[in-house]
Each structure stands twice: as structure tokens, then as C-alpha cells.
Amino acid sequence: NPSQLLSDGSVAVEYMRTGVLVELSPRPKHTAELHSLLVPSWRYINSLRSQHSVKQLLQHPQIQHVPKSGETVPLVQFDLLIFCEPEACDKIPAECIPLQQLHDIRASQSD
């Protein structure tokens, strides 16, 4: 469903998807940044969307913008796309899905 109205019908929500592209080298600094900053941030952002209703998200204390009646508010899902150098591929988190496998999963769901 590309959009949703809140229960009072005042604000439309547009669901969007975007990706953050990262290159992972085997350097310890890059691996540390991936595991201490990028992956936890990605998990947190996406967990907000899955754990809260749209109304709760719009009332989140870190949301600075209060939407006006009739306004469309984007709700974005972030994909973290990691391209790794061969020596660093074993450092990618276990929950990551190789692009080909993801393509195969989506193809099987559309059948």
C-alpha cells in the first residue's frame, strides 16, 4: 500500500524505500565503523518503522516537524547495501542477504 491515512484522515503517509551504499575494505577501521555505527543505525531506523504505528512515529520526540492537515509525510525504509572487497566479505553481518538471493526470494514471492 503506497499511502495510508491516519485514523482521523488528516495526514497521508507515503511509503518510500531508499538505499545507503557502503564499500567494505578489510581494514580494521572500516570493519569497526560498519559494526559500531552503520549496522546499528540501520537496525534502529528500520525498527522504528516496524515497531510503531504511523501515528506513534509522527509523535516520536526526535521528530521536529509536526505535519499539517492534508500534508503527505514520507515514511522511509532504508536498505543498507554493502559491497565488500573479497578479503572483507566474511565481516558482513549474518542477517545480510546477498543480492542474488534477495532477487530469488522476491521472484518466488511474485509467483
N, C-alpha and C. Protein backbone atom coordinates (compact mmCIF):
# COMPACT_ATOMS: atom_id res chain seq x y z
N ASN A 1 0.85 -1.18 0.00
CA ASN A 1 0.00 0.00 0.00
C ASN A 1 0.90 1.24 0.00
N PRO A 2 0.89 2.03 -1.08
CA PRO A 2 1.81 3.17 -1.17
C PRO A 2 1.48 4.32 -0.23
N SER A 3 0.27 4.42 0.22
CA SER A 3 -0.05 5.52 1.15
C SER A 3 -1.12 5.07 2.13
N GLN A 4 -1.20 5.78 3.22
CA GLN A 4 -2.14 5.43 4.28
C GLN A 4 -2.59 6.72 4.96
N LEU A 5 -3.83 6.77 5.35
CA LEU A 5 -4.32 7.90 6.12
C LEU A 5 -4.37 7.53 7.58
N LEU A 6 -4.06 8.48 8.43
CA LEU A 6 -4.24 8.25 9.86
C LEU A 6 -5.72 8.10 10.16
N SER A 7 -6.03 7.58 11.33
CA SER A 7 -7.42 7.29 11.67
C SER A 7 -8.33 8.51 11.55
N ASP A 8 -7.79 9.70 11.78
CA ASP A 8 -8.63 10.90 11.65
C ASP A 8 -8.64 11.43 10.22
N GLY A 9 -7.89 10.78 9.31
CA GLY A 9 -7.89 11.16 7.90
C GLY A 9 -7.13 12.42 7.57
N SER A 10 -6.35 12.95 8.51
CA SER A 10 -5.75 14.26 8.30
C SER A 10 -4.41 14.25 7.58
N VAL A 11 -3.63 13.20 7.71
CA VAL A 11 -2.29 13.19 7.15
C VAL A 11 -2.10 11.93 6.31
N ALA A 12 -1.66 12.09 5.09
CA ALA A 12 -1.35 10.95 4.24
C ALA A 12 0.10 10.56 4.46
N VAL A 13 0.37 9.26 4.44
CA VAL A 13 1.72 8.76 4.62
C VAL A 13 2.15 8.06 3.34
N GLU A 14 3.26 8.48 2.79
CA GLU A 14 3.80 7.88 1.58
C GLU A 14 4.96 6.98 1.97
N TYR A 15 4.84 5.69 1.67
CA TYR A 15 5.91 4.74 1.98
C TYR A 15 6.96 4.81 0.89
N MET A 16 8.20 4.97 1.32
CA MET A 16 9.32 5.10 0.38
C MET A 16 10.41 4.12 0.79
N ARG A 17 11.27 3.80 -0.14
CA ARG A 17 12.39 2.91 0.13
C ARG A 17 13.63 3.52 -0.50
N THR A 18 14.73 3.51 0.24
CA THR A 18 15.98 4.04 -0.27
C THR A 18 17.12 3.16 0.22
N GLY A 19 18.25 3.30 -0.40
CA GLY A 19 19.41 2.51 -0.01
C GLY A 19 20.59 3.38 0.34
N VAL A 20 21.38 2.89 1.27
CA VAL A 20 22.64 3.53 1.64
C VAL A 20 23.73 2.57 1.18
N LEU A 21 24.59 3.04 0.30
CA LEU A 21 25.62 2.21 -0.30
C LEU A 21 26.93 2.37 0.45
N VAL A 22 27.52 1.23 0.82
CA VAL A 22 28.76 1.23 1.60
C VAL A 22 29.75 0.28 0.94
N GLU A 23 31.00 0.67 0.92
CA GLU A 23 32.05 -0.24 0.48
C GLU A 23 32.83 -0.67 1.71
N LEU A 24 33.05 -1.98 1.83
CA LEU A 24 33.77 -2.51 2.99
C LEU A 24 35.12 -3.05 2.55
N SER A 25 36.16 -2.45 3.09
CA SER A 25 37.52 -2.95 2.83
C SER A 25 37.93 -3.81 4.03
N PRO A 26 39.01 -4.57 3.92
CA PRO A 26 39.43 -5.40 5.04
C PRO A 26 40.12 -4.64 6.17
N ARG A 27 40.27 -3.34 6.03
CA ARG A 27 40.93 -2.56 7.09
C ARG A 27 40.12 -2.62 8.39
N PRO A 28 40.78 -2.81 9.51
CA PRO A 28 40.05 -2.90 10.79
C PRO A 28 39.17 -1.67 11.07
N LYS A 29 39.63 -0.49 10.67
CA LYS A 29 38.84 0.72 10.90
C LYS A 29 37.50 0.64 10.16
N HIS A 30 37.50 0.15 8.94
CA HIS A 30 36.26 0.06 8.16
C HIS A 30 35.31 -0.97 8.77
N THR A 31 35.85 -2.10 9.20
CA THR A 31 35.02 -3.12 9.83
C THR A 31 34.42 -2.58 11.13
N ALA A 32 35.21 -1.88 11.91
CA ALA A 32 34.72 -1.30 13.17
C ALA A 32 33.61 -0.29 12.91
N GLU A 33 33.78 0.57 11.91
CA GLU A 33 32.74 1.56 11.58
C GLU A 33 31.45 0.87 11.15
N LEU A 34 31.58 -0.19 10.36
CA LEU A 34 30.40 -0.91 9.91
C LEU A 34 29.63 -1.49 11.09
N HIS A 35 30.34 -2.16 12.00
CA HIS A 35 29.67 -2.85 13.11
C HIS A 35 29.30 -1.96 14.28
N SER A 36 29.97 -0.83 14.44
CA SER A 36 29.65 0.03 15.58
C SER A 36 28.76 1.22 15.24
N LEU A 37 28.71 1.58 13.96
CA LEU A 37 27.94 2.77 13.57
C LEU A 37 26.87 2.47 12.54
N LEU A 38 27.27 1.96 11.38
CA LEU A 38 26.33 1.82 10.27
C LEU A 38 25.26 0.77 10.52
N VAL A 39 25.65 -0.43 10.88
CA VAL A 39 24.66 -1.50 11.07
C VAL A 39 23.72 -1.20 12.25
N PRO A 40 24.22 -0.77 13.41
CA PRO A 40 23.28 -0.43 14.49
C PRO A 40 22.33 0.72 14.13
N SER A 41 22.81 1.70 13.39
CA SER A 41 21.94 2.81 12.97
C SER A 41 20.87 2.30 12.02
N TRP A 42 21.26 1.45 11.08
CA TRP A 42 20.32 0.86 10.13
C TRP A 42 19.25 0.05 10.86
N ARG A 43 19.68 -0.77 11.82
CA ARG A 43 18.72 -1.56 12.61
C ARG A 43 17.74 -0.65 13.36
N TYR A 44 18.27 0.39 13.99
CA TYR A 44 17.42 1.28 14.78
C TYR A 44 16.38 1.99 13.91
N ILE A 45 16.81 2.56 12.82
CA ILE A 45 15.90 3.29 11.93
C ILE A 45 14.79 2.39 11.44
N ASN A 46 15.14 1.19 10.99
CA ASN A 46 14.13 0.28 10.47
C ASN A 46 13.26 -0.31 11.57
N SER A 47 13.79 -0.44 12.79
CA SER A 47 12.97 -0.96 13.89
C SER A 47 11.88 0.03 14.27
N LEU A 48 12.15 1.30 14.13
CA LEU A 48 11.11 2.30 14.43
C LEU A 48 9.89 2.08 13.56
N ARG A 49 10.15 1.81 12.31
CA ARG A 49 9.05 1.63 11.36
C ARG A 49 8.26 0.36 11.66
N SER A 50 8.93 -0.69 12.06
CA SER A 50 8.23 -1.96 12.27
C SER A 50 7.59 -2.06 13.65
N GLN A 51 8.06 -1.30 14.63
CA GLN A 51 7.55 -1.43 15.99
C GLN A 51 6.48 -0.41 16.36
N HIS A 52 6.32 0.61 15.56
CA HIS A 52 5.40 1.68 15.92
C HIS A 52 4.40 1.94 14.79
N SER A 53 3.25 2.41 15.17
CA SER A 53 2.28 2.83 14.17
C SER A 53 2.75 4.16 13.58
N VAL A 54 2.15 4.54 12.48
CA VAL A 54 2.49 5.81 11.85
C VAL A 54 2.23 6.96 12.82
N LYS A 55 1.12 6.90 13.52
CA LYS A 55 0.78 7.97 14.47
C LYS A 55 1.85 8.08 15.57
N GLN A 56 2.32 6.93 16.08
CA GLN A 56 3.37 6.94 17.10
C GLN A 56 4.66 7.53 16.54
N LEU A 57 4.98 7.17 15.30
CA LEU A 57 6.20 7.71 14.69
C LEU A 57 6.15 9.22 14.56
N LEU A 58 5.00 9.74 14.16
CA LEU A 58 4.87 11.18 13.99
C LEU A 58 4.93 11.92 15.33
N GLN A 59 4.69 11.20 16.42
CA GLN A 59 4.76 11.79 17.75
C GLN A 59 6.08 11.49 18.45
N HIS A 60 7.01 10.83 17.75
CA HIS A 60 8.31 10.49 18.33
C HIS A 60 9.03 11.77 18.74
N PRO A 61 9.68 11.78 19.91
CA PRO A 61 10.32 13.02 20.40
C PRO A 61 11.41 13.58 19.48
N GLN A 62 12.00 12.77 18.63
CA GLN A 62 13.05 13.27 17.75
C GLN A 62 12.49 13.84 16.45
N ILE A 63 11.21 13.72 16.23
CA ILE A 63 10.59 14.29 15.03
C ILE A 63 10.34 15.77 15.29
N GLN A 64 10.96 16.62 14.52
CA GLN A 64 10.85 18.06 14.73
C GLN A 64 9.66 18.67 13.99
N HIS A 65 9.24 18.02 12.91
CA HIS A 65 8.20 18.57 12.06
C HIS A 65 6.84 18.01 12.46
N VAL A 66 5.90 18.86 12.72
CA VAL A 66 4.53 18.44 13.00
C VAL A 66 3.72 18.65 11.73
N PRO A 67 3.22 17.56 11.13
CA PRO A 67 2.50 17.71 9.86
C PRO A 67 1.17 18.43 10.02
N LYS A 68 0.82 19.17 8.98
CA LYS A 68 -0.45 19.89 8.95
C LYS A 68 -1.49 19.03 8.27
N SER A 69 -2.74 19.33 8.51
CA SER A 69 -3.83 18.59 7.90
C SER A 69 -3.70 18.60 6.38
N GLY A 70 -3.86 17.44 5.75
CA GLY A 70 -3.76 17.32 4.31
C GLY A 70 -2.35 17.12 3.78
N GLU A 71 -1.36 17.19 4.64
CA GLU A 71 0.04 17.06 4.23
C GLU A 71 0.40 15.58 4.04
N THR A 72 1.30 15.30 3.10
CA THR A 72 1.83 13.95 2.90
C THR A 72 3.17 13.84 3.61
N VAL A 73 3.32 12.81 4.41
CA VAL A 73 4.54 12.60 5.19
C VAL A 73 5.24 11.35 4.68
N PRO A 74 6.54 11.43 4.34
CA PRO A 74 7.24 10.22 3.88
C PRO A 74 7.61 9.33 5.06
N LEU A 75 7.47 8.03 4.86
CA LEU A 75 7.92 7.04 5.83
C LEU A 75 8.89 6.14 5.06
N VAL A 76 10.17 6.24 5.38
CA VAL A 76 11.22 5.64 4.56
C VAL A 76 11.77 4.37 5.20
N GLN A 77 11.90 3.34 4.39
CA GLN A 77 12.62 2.14 4.80
C GLN A 77 13.99 2.22 4.16
N PHE A 78 15.02 2.01 4.97
CA PHE A 78 16.39 2.08 4.48
C PHE A 78 16.96 0.69 4.28
N ASP A 79 17.55 0.46 3.12
CA ASP A 79 18.31 -0.76 2.86
C ASP A 79 19.78 -0.38 2.94
N LEU A 80 20.55 -1.19 3.64
CA LEU A 80 21.99 -0.99 3.73
C LEU A 80 22.63 -1.93 2.72
N LEU A 81 23.21 -1.37 1.67
CA LEU A 81 23.83 -2.16 0.60
C LEU A 81 25.34 -2.14 0.81
N ILE A 82 25.91 -3.30 1.07
CA ILE A 82 27.33 -3.39 1.38
C ILE A 82 28.04 -4.13 0.25
N PHE A 83 28.97 -3.44 -0.38
CA PHE A 83 29.84 -4.08 -1.36
C PHE A 83 31.17 -4.31 -0.68
N CYS A 84 31.61 -5.55 -0.67
CA CYS A 84 32.83 -5.87 0.08
C CYS A 84 33.96 -6.27 -0.85
N GLU A 85 35.17 -5.91 -0.45
CA GLU A 85 36.34 -6.45 -1.09
C GLU A 85 36.44 -7.92 -0.67
N PRO A 86 36.96 -8.79 -1.52
CA PRO A 86 36.95 -10.23 -1.22
C PRO A 86 37.49 -10.58 0.17
N GLU A 87 38.50 -9.89 0.63
CA GLU A 87 39.08 -10.19 1.94
C GLU A 87 38.19 -9.75 3.09
N ALA A 88 37.17 -8.95 2.83
CA ALA A 88 36.33 -8.40 3.89
C ALA A 88 34.93 -9.01 3.93
N CYS A 89 34.60 -9.83 2.97
CA CYS A 89 33.22 -10.33 2.88
C CYS A 89 32.80 -11.14 4.10
N ASP A 90 33.74 -11.78 4.77
CA ASP A 90 33.37 -12.55 5.96
C ASP A 90 33.06 -11.66 7.16
N LYS A 91 33.24 -10.35 7.03
CA LYS A 91 32.95 -9.40 8.11
C LYS A 91 31.53 -8.83 8.02
N ILE A 92 30.81 -9.17 6.98
CA ILE A 92 29.45 -8.66 6.81
C ILE A 92 28.53 -9.35 7.81
N PRO A 93 27.61 -8.63 8.46
CA PRO A 93 26.71 -9.23 9.45
C PRO A 93 25.90 -10.40 8.87
N ALA A 94 25.60 -11.35 9.72
CA ALA A 94 24.91 -12.57 9.31
C ALA A 94 23.53 -12.31 8.73
N GLU A 95 22.84 -11.25 9.19
CA GLU A 95 21.47 -11.01 8.69
C GLU A 95 21.44 -10.41 7.29
N CYS A 96 22.58 -10.06 6.75
CA CYS A 96 22.62 -9.52 5.40
C CYS A 96 22.33 -10.62 4.39
N ILE A 97 21.61 -10.25 3.35
CA ILE A 97 21.22 -11.20 2.31
C ILE A 97 21.94 -10.81 1.02
N PRO A 98 22.67 -11.77 0.41
CA PRO A 98 23.30 -11.45 -0.88
C PRO A 98 22.25 -11.01 -1.90
N LEU A 99 22.59 -10.06 -2.74
CA LEU A 99 21.63 -9.51 -3.70
C LEU A 99 20.98 -10.58 -4.57
N GLN A 100 21.75 -11.55 -5.04
CA GLN A 100 21.17 -12.59 -5.88
C GLN A 100 20.14 -13.40 -5.11
N GLN A 101 20.44 -13.71 -3.86
CA GLN A 101 19.49 -14.47 -3.04
C GLN A 101 18.23 -13.65 -2.79
N LEU A 102 18.39 -12.35 -2.56
CA LEU A 102 17.23 -11.48 -2.37
C LEU A 102 16.37 -11.43 -3.64
N HIS A 103 17.04 -11.34 -4.78
CA HIS A 103 16.30 -11.36 -6.05
C HIS A 103 15.53 -12.66 -6.20
N ASP A 104 16.13 -13.80 -5.86
CA ASP A 104 15.46 -15.09 -5.96
C ASP A 104 14.27 -15.18 -5.02
N ILE A 105 14.41 -14.64 -3.81
CA ILE A 105 13.30 -14.65 -2.84
C ILE A 105 12.13 -13.83 -3.37
N ARG A 106 12.41 -12.64 -3.87
CA ARG A 106 11.34 -11.79 -4.38
C ARG A 106 10.67 -12.40 -5.60
N ALA A 107 11.44 -13.04 -6.47
CA ALA A 107 10.88 -13.67 -7.65
C ALA A 107 9.94 -14.81 -7.26
N SER A 108 10.31 -15.58 -6.24
CA SER A 108 9.46 -16.68 -5.80
C SER A 108 8.18 -16.19 -5.13
N GLN A 109 8.24 -15.01 -4.50
CA GLN A 109 7.04 -14.45 -3.85
C GLN A 109 6.05 -13.90 -4.86
N SER A 110 6.52 -13.51 -6.03
CA SER A 110 5.63 -12.93 -7.03
C SER A 110 4.95 -14.00 -7.87
N ASP A 111 5.37 -15.26 -7.72
CA ASP A 111 4.74 -16.35 -8.49
C ASP A 111 3.37 -16.71 -7.95
